[in-house]
Amino acid sequence: MYGASYRDRTGDEEMKSLEEKTIAKEQIFSGKVIDLYVEDVELPNGKASKREIVKHPGAVAVLAVTDEGKIIMVKQFRKPLERTIVEIPAGKLEKGEEPEYTALRELEEETGYTAKKLTKITAFYTSPGFADEIVHVFLAEELSVLEEKRELDEDEFVEVMEVTLEDALKLVESREVYDAKTAYAIQYLQLKEALQAQK
């Protein structure tokens, strides 16, 4: 019974009845990373409301794993959090860039490694309630150290780490890893290794 009810609620016709119609849109901020809009919308019940929406070009994140099974991570101070956290390499998509290109560029810039094998794992929206940012997550394998490391952005400072999967899971538990993309990537690798062990 529940399954039938769920299908009924998520049919195309029902989904359209949940849509909000944009009546007016105003851009109130344009920045280096984001643009901010305020939209007047008509709700499904006909009432009016406002939505504050962040427009973001999208980003990539790279789960880089060495031949020895270690994860390449970076330690970085994040001003919005007022703390240092441990993350997988990541960065913003530049205009016209394909996610695969951005992923390799960010890996090289932040860690000094490059990868012969790059596989897309998934993509997800980070905060769909107010932002359209999408993060493309890649698995980087067959790593090698660059002879000449790419330069970081002038306002970017990171410390590179190599950790085992076991230690990475401990970083999640201790909240030194405290962002969704990194926690997802670590748990993905944990599941991948568990499934391989069953074969």
N, C-alpha and C. Protein backbone atom coordinates (compact mmCIF):
# COMPACT_ATOMS: atom_id res chain seq x y z
N MET A 1 0.83 -1.21 0.00
CA MET A 1 0.00 0.00 0.00
C MET A 1 0.86 1.25 0.00
N TYR A 2 1.90 1.26 0.83
CA TYR A 2 2.77 2.44 0.90
C TYR A 2 3.43 2.70 -0.45
N GLY A 3 3.89 1.62 -1.12
CA GLY A 3 4.55 1.79 -2.40
C GLY A 3 3.64 2.43 -3.44
N ALA A 4 2.39 2.00 -3.49
CA ALA A 4 1.45 2.57 -4.45
C ALA A 4 1.20 4.03 -4.15
N SER A 5 1.03 4.35 -2.87
CA SER A 5 0.80 5.74 -2.46
C SER A 5 1.98 6.61 -2.83
N TYR A 6 3.19 6.09 -2.64
CA TYR A 6 4.40 6.86 -2.95
C TYR A 6 4.47 7.15 -4.44
N ARG A 7 4.17 6.14 -5.26
CA ARG A 7 4.20 6.34 -6.71
C ARG A 7 3.17 7.39 -7.13
N ASP A 8 2.00 7.32 -6.51
CA ASP A 8 0.97 8.30 -6.84
C ASP A 8 1.44 9.72 -6.54
N ARG A 9 2.11 9.90 -5.42
CA ARG A 9 2.52 11.23 -4.99
C ARG A 9 3.65 11.77 -5.84
N THR A 10 4.45 10.89 -6.44
CA THR A 10 5.61 11.37 -7.19
C THR A 10 5.44 11.25 -8.70
N GLY A 11 4.22 11.08 -9.18
CA GLY A 11 3.97 11.07 -10.61
C GLY A 11 4.23 12.44 -11.21
N ASP A 12 4.40 12.47 -12.53
CA ASP A 12 4.70 13.74 -13.20
C ASP A 12 3.66 14.80 -12.92
N GLU A 13 2.39 14.40 -12.95
CA GLU A 13 1.32 15.37 -12.73
C GLU A 13 1.38 15.94 -11.32
N GLU A 14 1.62 15.08 -10.35
CA GLU A 14 1.68 15.53 -8.96
C GLU A 14 2.91 16.40 -8.72
N MET A 15 4.04 16.03 -9.35
CA MET A 15 5.25 16.82 -9.18
C MET A 15 5.06 18.24 -9.72
N LYS A 16 4.37 18.36 -10.85
CA LYS A 16 4.14 19.69 -11.42
C LYS A 16 3.29 20.54 -10.49
N SER A 17 2.40 19.91 -9.74
CA SER A 17 1.54 20.67 -8.83
C SER A 17 2.32 21.23 -7.65
N LEU A 18 3.57 20.79 -7.46
CA LEU A 18 4.42 21.29 -6.38
C LEU A 18 5.31 22.44 -6.84
N GLU A 19 5.30 22.74 -8.12
CA GLU A 19 6.20 23.76 -8.66
C GLU A 19 5.82 25.16 -8.18
N GLU A 20 6.85 26.00 -8.05
CA GLU A 20 6.66 27.40 -7.69
C GLU A 20 6.95 28.26 -8.92
N LYS A 21 6.03 29.13 -9.24
CA LYS A 21 6.17 29.99 -10.41
C LYS A 21 6.89 31.28 -10.03
N THR A 22 7.95 31.61 -10.78
CA THR A 22 8.69 32.84 -10.53
C THR A 22 7.94 34.02 -11.12
N ILE A 23 7.63 35.00 -10.27
CA ILE A 23 6.92 36.20 -10.70
C ILE A 23 7.90 37.32 -11.01
N ALA A 24 8.92 37.45 -10.18
CA ALA A 24 9.93 38.50 -10.36
C ALA A 24 11.25 38.02 -9.77
N LYS A 25 12.35 38.52 -10.33
CA LYS A 25 13.68 38.12 -9.86
C LYS A 25 14.57 39.36 -9.80
N GLU A 26 15.33 39.48 -8.70
CA GLU A 26 16.25 40.61 -8.54
C GLU A 26 17.61 40.10 -8.08
N GLN A 27 18.66 40.45 -8.81
CA GLN A 27 20.01 40.11 -8.39
C GLN A 27 20.48 41.18 -7.41
N ILE A 28 20.85 40.75 -6.20
CA ILE A 28 21.25 41.73 -5.19
C ILE A 28 22.75 41.67 -4.87
N PHE A 29 23.44 40.66 -5.41
CA PHE A 29 24.88 40.56 -5.19
C PHE A 29 25.51 39.74 -6.30
N SER A 30 26.68 40.19 -6.76
CA SER A 30 27.47 39.44 -7.74
C SER A 30 28.89 39.38 -7.23
N GLY A 31 29.36 38.18 -6.95
CA GLY A 31 30.69 38.01 -6.36
C GLY A 31 31.60 37.16 -7.21
N LYS A 32 32.78 36.89 -6.67
CA LYS A 32 33.77 36.07 -7.35
C LYS A 32 33.33 34.62 -7.43
N VAL A 33 32.62 34.16 -6.41
CA VAL A 33 32.22 32.75 -6.33
C VAL A 33 30.72 32.57 -6.53
N ILE A 34 29.92 33.45 -5.96
CA ILE A 34 28.46 33.27 -6.00
C ILE A 34 27.75 34.55 -6.46
N ASP A 35 26.52 34.35 -6.93
CA ASP A 35 25.57 35.44 -7.17
C ASP A 35 24.36 35.18 -6.29
N LEU A 36 23.75 36.24 -5.80
CA LEU A 36 22.60 36.10 -4.91
C LEU A 36 21.39 36.79 -5.51
N TYR A 37 20.29 36.05 -5.56
CA TYR A 37 19.03 36.56 -6.11
C TYR A 37 17.93 36.48 -5.06
N VAL A 38 16.98 37.40 -5.15
CA VAL A 38 15.73 37.30 -4.40
C VAL A 38 14.61 37.17 -5.42
N GLU A 39 13.83 36.11 -5.28
CA GLU A 39 12.75 35.85 -6.23
C GLU A 39 11.39 35.93 -5.53
N ASP A 40 10.45 36.60 -6.20
CA ASP A 40 9.05 36.55 -5.77
C ASP A 40 8.41 35.37 -6.48
N VAL A 41 7.80 34.47 -5.71
CA VAL A 41 7.23 33.26 -6.30
C VAL A 41 5.77 33.09 -5.91
N GLU A 42 5.07 32.38 -6.78
CA GLU A 42 3.70 31.96 -6.47
C GLU A 42 3.75 30.51 -6.05
N LEU A 43 3.28 30.22 -4.85
CA LEU A 43 3.31 28.86 -4.30
C LEU A 43 2.22 28.01 -4.94
N PRO A 44 2.29 26.68 -4.79
CA PRO A 44 1.28 25.80 -5.38
C PRO A 44 -0.15 26.12 -4.94
N ASN A 45 -0.31 26.69 -3.74
CA ASN A 45 -1.65 27.03 -3.26
C ASN A 45 -2.10 28.43 -3.67
N GLY A 46 -1.28 29.10 -4.51
CA GLY A 46 -1.64 30.41 -5.01
C GLY A 46 -1.13 31.57 -4.18
N LYS A 47 -0.59 31.30 -3.01
CA LYS A 47 -0.07 32.36 -2.16
C LYS A 47 1.30 32.82 -2.64
N ALA A 48 1.71 34.01 -2.19
CA ALA A 48 3.00 34.57 -2.60
C ALA A 48 4.05 34.37 -1.52
N SER A 49 5.30 34.25 -1.96
CA SER A 49 6.41 34.13 -1.02
C SER A 49 7.68 34.64 -1.69
N LYS A 50 8.75 34.72 -0.92
CA LYS A 50 10.06 35.12 -1.45
C LYS A 50 11.06 34.00 -1.25
N ARG A 51 11.99 33.88 -2.18
CA ARG A 51 13.07 32.89 -2.08
C ARG A 51 14.40 33.60 -2.26
N GLU A 52 15.32 33.35 -1.34
CA GLU A 52 16.69 33.85 -1.47
C GLU A 52 17.52 32.72 -2.06
N ILE A 53 18.10 32.95 -3.23
CA ILE A 53 18.74 31.87 -3.99
C ILE A 53 20.19 32.21 -4.31
N VAL A 54 21.06 31.27 -4.00
CA VAL A 54 22.48 31.40 -4.31
C VAL A 54 22.77 30.66 -5.62
N LYS A 55 23.34 31.36 -6.59
CA LYS A 55 23.75 30.75 -7.85
C LYS A 55 25.26 30.48 -7.79
N HIS A 56 25.63 29.26 -8.09
CA HIS A 56 27.03 28.82 -7.99
C HIS A 56 27.39 28.06 -9.25
N PRO A 57 28.60 28.22 -9.78
CA PRO A 57 28.97 27.56 -11.04
C PRO A 57 29.18 26.05 -10.93
N GLY A 58 29.20 25.53 -9.70
CA GLY A 58 29.46 24.11 -9.51
C GLY A 58 30.89 23.85 -9.10
N ALA A 59 31.15 22.66 -8.63
CA ALA A 59 32.48 22.34 -8.10
C ALA A 59 32.79 20.87 -8.33
N VAL A 60 34.04 20.52 -8.07
CA VAL A 60 34.48 19.13 -8.13
C VAL A 60 35.15 18.76 -6.82
N ALA A 61 35.19 17.47 -6.54
CA ALA A 61 35.92 16.94 -5.40
C ALA A 61 36.60 15.65 -5.85
N VAL A 62 37.80 15.41 -5.35
CA VAL A 62 38.61 14.30 -5.86
C VAL A 62 39.03 13.37 -4.73
N LEU A 63 38.56 12.13 -4.80
CA LEU A 63 39.00 11.08 -3.89
C LEU A 63 40.22 10.43 -4.54
N ALA A 64 41.40 10.87 -4.14
CA ALA A 64 42.65 10.38 -4.74
C ALA A 64 43.24 9.28 -3.86
N VAL A 65 43.45 8.12 -4.46
CA VAL A 65 43.93 6.95 -3.71
C VAL A 65 45.23 6.45 -4.33
N THR A 66 46.26 6.32 -3.50
CA THR A 66 47.56 5.86 -3.98
C THR A 66 47.53 4.36 -4.24
N ASP A 67 48.58 3.85 -4.88
CA ASP A 67 48.68 2.41 -5.14
C ASP A 67 48.74 1.62 -3.84
N GLU A 68 49.17 2.29 -2.76
CA GLU A 68 49.24 1.64 -1.45
C GLU A 68 47.93 1.74 -0.68
N GLY A 69 46.94 2.35 -1.29
CA GLY A 69 45.63 2.44 -0.65
C GLY A 69 45.44 3.64 0.27
N LYS A 70 46.37 4.58 0.23
CA LYS A 70 46.24 5.76 1.08
C LYS A 70 45.46 6.86 0.35
N ILE A 71 44.72 7.64 1.13
CA ILE A 71 43.91 8.73 0.59
C ILE A 71 44.69 10.04 0.71
N ILE A 72 44.74 10.78 -0.39
CA ILE A 72 45.39 12.09 -0.37
C ILE A 72 44.36 13.13 0.08
N MET A 73 44.65 13.80 1.19
CA MET A 73 43.73 14.78 1.74
C MET A 73 44.45 16.09 1.98
N VAL A 74 43.68 17.14 2.21
CA VAL A 74 44.28 18.45 2.50
C VAL A 74 43.65 19.03 3.76
N LYS A 75 44.50 19.70 4.52
CA LYS A 75 44.04 20.40 5.72
C LYS A 75 43.98 21.88 5.36
N GLN A 76 42.84 22.52 5.66
CA GLN A 76 42.63 23.89 5.21
C GLN A 76 41.74 24.65 6.20
N PHE A 77 42.08 25.92 6.43
CA PHE A 77 41.24 26.77 7.28
C PHE A 77 40.06 27.26 6.46
N ARG A 78 38.86 27.09 7.02
CA ARG A 78 37.63 27.52 6.34
C ARG A 78 37.01 28.68 7.13
N LYS A 79 37.08 29.86 6.56
CA LYS A 79 36.63 31.06 7.26
C LYS A 79 35.17 31.01 7.70
N PRO A 80 34.23 30.51 6.87
CA PRO A 80 32.84 30.46 7.34
C PRO A 80 32.67 29.63 8.61
N LEU A 81 33.54 28.64 8.81
CA LEU A 81 33.46 27.78 9.99
C LEU A 81 34.35 28.27 11.12
N GLU A 82 35.28 29.16 10.80
CA GLU A 82 36.29 29.65 11.75
C GLU A 82 37.09 28.50 12.36
N ARG A 83 37.45 27.55 11.51
CA ARG A 83 38.24 26.42 11.98
C ARG A 83 38.92 25.73 10.80
N THR A 84 39.92 24.92 11.13
CA THR A 84 40.62 24.12 10.14
C THR A 84 39.96 22.74 10.07
N ILE A 85 39.70 22.28 8.85
CA ILE A 85 39.15 20.94 8.67
C ILE A 85 39.96 20.18 7.63
N VAL A 86 39.78 18.87 7.61
CA VAL A 86 40.45 18.00 6.65
C VAL A 86 39.45 17.63 5.55
N GLU A 87 39.88 17.77 4.30
CA GLU A 87 38.99 17.52 3.17
C GLU A 87 39.73 16.76 2.08
N ILE A 88 38.96 16.25 1.12
CA ILE A 88 39.58 15.79 -0.11
C ILE A 88 39.77 17.01 -1.01
N PRO A 89 40.72 16.98 -1.93
CA PRO A 89 40.93 18.12 -2.83
C PRO A 89 39.64 18.48 -3.57
N ALA A 90 39.41 19.78 -3.71
CA ALA A 90 38.17 20.24 -4.34
C ALA A 90 38.36 21.64 -4.88
N GLY A 91 37.45 22.05 -5.75
CA GLY A 91 37.53 23.40 -6.28
C GLY A 91 36.37 23.73 -7.19
N LYS A 92 36.28 25.00 -7.52
CA LYS A 92 35.17 25.54 -8.30
C LYS A 92 35.40 25.33 -9.80
N LEU A 93 34.32 25.02 -10.49
CA LEU A 93 34.36 24.96 -11.95
C LEU A 93 34.53 26.36 -12.53
N GLU A 94 35.46 26.51 -13.44
CA GLU A 94 35.59 27.77 -14.16
C GLU A 94 34.69 27.72 -15.39
N LYS A 95 34.34 28.88 -15.91
CA LYS A 95 33.41 28.96 -17.04
C LYS A 95 33.94 28.16 -18.23
N GLY A 96 33.10 27.26 -18.74
CA GLY A 96 33.45 26.47 -19.91
C GLY A 96 34.25 25.22 -19.62
N GLU A 97 34.65 25.00 -18.37
CA GLU A 97 35.45 23.82 -18.02
C GLU A 97 34.57 22.59 -17.88
N GLU A 98 35.08 21.46 -18.31
CA GLU A 98 34.46 20.18 -18.03
C GLU A 98 34.88 19.74 -16.63
N PRO A 99 33.99 19.09 -15.88
CA PRO A 99 34.34 18.67 -14.52
C PRO A 99 35.60 17.82 -14.43
N GLU A 100 35.81 16.95 -15.44
CA GLU A 100 37.00 16.09 -15.41
C GLU A 100 38.28 16.93 -15.46
N TYR A 101 38.28 17.97 -16.27
CA TYR A 101 39.45 18.84 -16.37
C TYR A 101 39.69 19.56 -15.05
N THR A 102 38.61 20.09 -14.47
CA THR A 102 38.73 20.80 -13.20
C THR A 102 39.24 19.87 -12.10
N ALA A 103 38.74 18.64 -12.09
CA ALA A 103 39.16 17.69 -11.06
C ALA A 103 40.66 17.43 -11.13
N LEU A 104 41.18 17.22 -12.33
CA LEU A 104 42.61 16.96 -12.48
C LEU A 104 43.42 18.21 -12.11
N ARG A 105 42.93 19.36 -12.51
CA ARG A 105 43.63 20.61 -12.19
C ARG A 105 43.70 20.84 -10.69
N GLU A 106 42.58 20.64 -10.00
CA GLU A 106 42.56 20.86 -8.55
C GLU A 106 43.44 19.85 -7.82
N LEU A 107 43.43 18.60 -8.29
CA LEU A 107 44.29 17.59 -7.69
C LEU A 107 45.75 18.00 -7.81
N GLU A 108 46.14 18.45 -8.99
CA GLU A 108 47.53 18.83 -9.23
C GLU A 108 47.92 20.08 -8.45
N GLU A 109 47.03 21.07 -8.41
CA GLU A 109 47.33 22.31 -7.70
C GLU A 109 47.46 22.10 -6.20
N GLU A 110 46.53 21.35 -5.63
CA GLU A 110 46.47 21.24 -4.18
C GLU A 110 47.41 20.20 -3.60
N THR A 111 47.73 19.16 -4.37
CA THR A 111 48.50 18.05 -3.79
C THR A 111 49.84 17.79 -4.45
N GLY A 112 50.04 18.24 -5.68
CA GLY A 112 51.27 17.93 -6.40
C GLY A 112 51.24 16.57 -7.07
N TYR A 113 50.07 15.90 -7.00
CA TYR A 113 49.89 14.61 -7.68
C TYR A 113 49.08 14.81 -8.95
N THR A 114 49.27 13.89 -9.90
CA THR A 114 48.38 13.79 -11.04
C THR A 114 47.89 12.35 -11.12
N ALA A 115 46.89 12.09 -11.96
CA ALA A 115 46.30 10.76 -12.03
C ALA A 115 46.14 10.31 -13.48
N LYS A 116 46.48 9.05 -13.74
CA LYS A 116 46.25 8.48 -15.07
C LYS A 116 44.80 8.04 -15.23
N LYS A 117 44.16 7.69 -14.11
CA LYS A 117 42.80 7.17 -14.17
C LYS A 117 41.88 8.04 -13.32
N LEU A 118 40.82 8.56 -13.96
CA LEU A 118 39.87 9.42 -13.28
C LEU A 118 38.46 8.90 -13.58
N THR A 119 37.73 8.53 -12.55
CA THR A 119 36.40 7.95 -12.71
C THR A 119 35.38 8.76 -11.93
N LYS A 120 34.31 9.14 -12.60
CA LYS A 120 33.27 9.89 -11.88
C LYS A 120 32.46 8.95 -11.00
N ILE A 121 32.32 9.32 -9.73
CA ILE A 121 31.57 8.51 -8.77
C ILE A 121 30.11 8.94 -8.74
N THR A 122 29.90 10.23 -8.58
CA THR A 122 28.54 10.75 -8.45
C THR A 122 28.56 12.27 -8.59
N ALA A 123 27.39 12.86 -8.52
CA ALA A 123 27.25 14.32 -8.43
C ALA A 123 26.03 14.58 -7.56
N PHE A 124 26.09 15.62 -6.75
CA PHE A 124 24.94 15.92 -5.89
C PHE A 124 24.86 17.42 -5.60
N TYR A 125 23.64 17.87 -5.30
CA TYR A 125 23.42 19.25 -4.89
C TYR A 125 23.72 19.37 -3.40
N THR A 126 24.44 20.41 -3.02
CA THR A 126 24.88 20.54 -1.64
C THR A 126 23.80 21.08 -0.71
N SER A 127 23.04 22.06 -1.17
CA SER A 127 22.02 22.70 -0.32
C SER A 127 20.85 23.15 -1.19
N PRO A 128 20.04 22.21 -1.67
CA PRO A 128 19.00 22.55 -2.65
C PRO A 128 17.90 23.47 -2.12
N GLY A 129 17.88 23.69 -0.81
CA GLY A 129 16.88 24.60 -0.26
C GLY A 129 17.13 26.05 -0.62
N PHE A 130 18.40 26.39 -0.90
CA PHE A 130 18.69 27.79 -1.22
C PHE A 130 19.80 27.99 -2.24
N ALA A 131 20.45 26.92 -2.69
CA ALA A 131 21.57 27.06 -3.63
C ALA A 131 21.49 26.01 -4.73
N ASP A 132 22.02 26.37 -5.92
CA ASP A 132 22.04 25.41 -7.03
C ASP A 132 23.41 24.78 -7.22
N GLU A 133 24.30 24.92 -6.23
CA GLU A 133 25.64 24.34 -6.34
C GLU A 133 25.57 22.82 -6.48
N ILE A 134 26.27 22.30 -7.48
CA ILE A 134 26.38 20.86 -7.67
C ILE A 134 27.85 20.48 -7.58
N VAL A 135 28.14 19.39 -6.88
CA VAL A 135 29.51 18.91 -6.72
C VAL A 135 29.66 17.59 -7.46
N HIS A 136 30.64 17.52 -8.35
CA HIS A 136 30.97 16.30 -9.09
C HIS A 136 32.12 15.61 -8.36
N VAL A 137 31.92 14.37 -7.95
CA VAL A 137 32.93 13.65 -7.17
C VAL A 137 33.62 12.61 -8.06
N PHE A 138 34.95 12.63 -8.05
CA PHE A 138 35.75 11.72 -8.87
C PHE A 138 36.66 10.86 -8.02
N LEU A 139 36.91 9.64 -8.51
CA LEU A 139 37.93 8.76 -7.94
C LEU A 139 39.16 8.86 -8.82
N ALA A 140 40.28 9.25 -8.23
CA ALA A 140 41.55 9.37 -8.97
C ALA A 140 42.48 8.23 -8.55
N GLU A 141 42.98 7.49 -9.53
CA GLU A 141 43.86 6.35 -9.26
C GLU A 141 45.07 6.41 -10.19
N GLU A 142 46.01 5.50 -9.93
CA GLU A 142 47.27 5.46 -10.69
C GLU A 142 47.96 6.82 -10.61
N LEU A 143 48.21 7.23 -9.37
CA LEU A 143 48.77 8.55 -9.10
C LEU A 143 50.27 8.58 -9.31
N SER A 144 50.76 9.75 -9.62
CA SER A 144 52.21 9.99 -9.68
C SER A 144 52.47 11.43 -9.28
N VAL A 145 53.67 11.67 -8.76
CA VAL A 145 54.03 13.01 -8.32
C VAL A 145 54.47 13.84 -9.52
N LEU A 146 53.95 15.05 -9.60
CA LEU A 146 54.34 15.95 -10.69
C LEU A 146 55.80 16.39 -10.53
N GLU A 147 56.49 16.50 -11.64
CA GLU A 147 57.86 17.02 -11.58
C GLU A 147 57.87 18.47 -11.14
N GLU A 148 56.85 19.21 -11.57
CA GLU A 148 56.73 20.61 -11.18
C GLU A 148 55.28 20.86 -10.77
N LYS A 149 55.08 21.13 -9.48
CA LYS A 149 53.73 21.32 -8.95
C LYS A 149 53.11 22.61 -9.49
N ARG A 150 51.81 22.54 -9.80
CA ARG A 150 51.07 23.74 -10.19
C ARG A 150 50.98 24.70 -9.01
N GLU A 151 50.83 25.97 -9.30
CA GLU A 151 50.69 26.98 -8.25
C GLU A 151 49.26 27.00 -7.72
N LEU A 152 49.13 27.13 -6.39
CA LEU A 152 47.83 27.33 -5.79
C LEU A 152 47.34 28.74 -6.08
N ASP A 153 46.02 28.96 -5.90
CA ASP A 153 45.52 30.32 -5.97
C ASP A 153 46.21 31.15 -4.89
N GLU A 154 46.37 32.45 -5.14
CA GLU A 154 47.16 33.28 -4.24
C GLU A 154 46.56 33.40 -2.84
N ASP A 155 45.25 33.13 -2.71
CA ASP A 155 44.62 33.21 -1.39
C ASP A 155 44.33 31.83 -0.81
N GLU A 156 45.02 30.81 -1.31
CA GLU A 156 44.76 29.43 -0.89
C GLU A 156 46.00 28.85 -0.21
N PHE A 157 45.79 28.28 0.99
CA PHE A 157 46.88 27.69 1.76
C PHE A 157 46.41 26.33 2.28
N VAL A 158 47.11 25.27 1.90
CA VAL A 158 46.71 23.92 2.30
C VAL A 158 47.92 23.12 2.77
N GLU A 159 47.64 22.13 3.59
CA GLU A 159 48.65 21.17 4.03
C GLU A 159 48.22 19.79 3.55
N VAL A 160 49.08 19.12 2.80
CA VAL A 160 48.74 17.82 2.21
C VAL A 160 48.98 16.69 3.21
N MET A 161 48.05 15.74 3.24
CA MET A 161 48.14 14.58 4.13
C MET A 161 47.92 13.30 3.33
N GLU A 162 48.52 12.23 3.77
CA GLU A 162 48.23 10.89 3.25
C GLU A 162 47.77 10.04 4.42
N VAL A 163 46.56 9.51 4.32
CA VAL A 163 46.01 8.74 5.44
C VAL A 163 45.44 7.42 4.94
N THR A 164 45.43 6.43 5.81
CA THR A 164 44.78 5.17 5.50
C THR A 164 43.27 5.35 5.59
N LEU A 165 42.52 4.41 5.03
CA LEU A 165 41.07 4.46 5.14
C LEU A 165 40.64 4.42 6.60
N GLU A 166 41.31 3.59 7.39
CA GLU A 166 40.99 3.48 8.81
C GLU A 166 41.15 4.83 9.51
N ASP A 167 42.25 5.52 9.21
CA ASP A 167 42.48 6.82 9.83
C ASP A 167 41.49 7.87 9.31
N ALA A 168 41.13 7.75 8.05
CA ALA A 168 40.15 8.69 7.48
C ALA A 168 38.80 8.55 8.18
N LEU A 169 38.41 7.33 8.47
CA LEU A 169 37.15 7.10 9.19
C LEU A 169 37.22 7.69 10.60
N LYS A 170 38.39 7.62 11.21
CA LYS A 170 38.56 8.23 12.54
C LYS A 170 38.45 9.75 12.46
N LEU A 171 38.92 10.32 11.35
CA LEU A 171 38.81 11.77 11.16
C LEU A 171 37.34 12.19 11.03
N VAL A 172 36.53 11.33 10.42
CA VAL A 172 35.10 11.60 10.34
C VAL A 172 34.48 11.56 11.73
N GLU A 173 34.84 10.53 12.51
CA GLU A 173 34.30 10.38 13.86
C GLU A 173 34.69 11.54 14.76
N SER A 174 35.91 12.04 14.60
CA SER A 174 36.40 13.14 15.44
C SER A 174 35.96 14.51 14.93
N ARG A 175 35.30 14.53 13.79
CA ARG A 175 34.81 15.75 13.15
C ARG A 175 35.94 16.66 12.66
N GLU A 176 37.10 16.09 12.47
CA GLU A 176 38.13 16.83 11.74
C GLU A 176 37.76 16.85 10.26
N VAL A 177 37.14 15.78 9.81
CA VAL A 177 36.42 15.78 8.53
C VAL A 177 34.99 16.15 8.87
N TYR A 178 34.53 17.29 8.33
CA TYR A 178 33.23 17.81 8.77
C TYR A 178 32.40 18.34 7.61
N ASP A 179 32.74 17.94 6.40
CA ASP A 179 31.97 18.37 5.23
C ASP A 179 31.42 17.17 4.49
N ALA A 180 30.30 17.38 3.81
CA ALA A 180 29.55 16.27 3.22
C ALA A 180 30.32 15.55 2.12
N LYS A 181 30.99 16.31 1.25
CA LYS A 181 31.65 15.67 0.10
C LYS A 181 32.75 14.72 0.56
N THR A 182 33.50 15.12 1.60
CA THR A 182 34.60 14.29 2.08
C THR A 182 34.08 13.07 2.83
N ALA A 183 33.08 13.27 3.68
CA ALA A 183 32.49 12.15 4.41
C ALA A 183 31.89 11.14 3.42
N TYR A 184 31.22 11.64 2.38
CA TYR A 184 30.66 10.76 1.36
C TYR A 184 31.76 9.96 0.68
N ALA A 185 32.83 10.62 0.28
CA ALA A 185 33.91 9.96 -0.45
C ALA A 185 34.56 8.87 0.39
N ILE A 186 34.79 9.16 1.65
CA ILE A 186 35.41 8.17 2.54
C ILE A 186 34.51 6.96 2.71
N GLN A 187 33.23 7.20 2.91
CA GLN A 187 32.29 6.09 3.08
C GLN A 187 32.11 5.30 1.78
N TYR A 188 32.21 5.99 0.65
CA TYR A 188 32.18 5.31 -0.65
C TYR A 188 33.35 4.33 -0.74
N LEU A 189 34.54 4.79 -0.37
CA LEU A 189 35.72 3.93 -0.46
C LEU A 189 35.60 2.76 0.51
N GLN A 190 35.07 3.02 1.69
CA GLN A 190 34.86 1.95 2.67
C GLN A 190 33.94 0.87 2.11
N LEU A 191 32.85 1.29 1.49
CA LEU A 191 31.90 0.33 0.91
C LEU A 191 32.53 -0.40 -0.27
N LYS A 192 33.27 0.32 -1.10
CA LYS A 192 33.92 -0.28 -2.27
C LYS A 192 34.89 -1.38 -1.84
N GLU A 193 35.68 -1.10 -0.81
CA GLU A 193 36.64 -2.10 -0.33
C GLU A 193 35.93 -3.28 0.32
N ALA A 194 34.83 -3.02 1.02
CA ALA A 194 34.08 -4.10 1.65
C ALA A 194 33.48 -5.03 0.60
N LEU A 195 32.96 -4.46 -0.48
CA LEU A 195 32.38 -5.28 -1.55
C LEU A 195 33.45 -6.08 -2.28
N GLN A 196 34.63 -5.48 -2.47
CA GLN A 196 35.73 -6.19 -3.12
C GLN A 196 36.21 -7.36 -2.25
N ALA A 197 36.17 -7.17 -0.94
CA ALA A 197 36.62 -8.22 -0.02
C ALA A 197 35.68 -9.43 -0.04
N GLN A 198 34.43 -9.20 -0.42
CA GLN A 198 33.45 -10.29 -0.46
C GLN A 198 33.58 -11.15 -1.70
N LYS A 199 34.28 -10.64 -2.71
CA LYS A 199 34.40 -11.39 -3.97
C LYS A 199 35.37 -12.56 -3.83
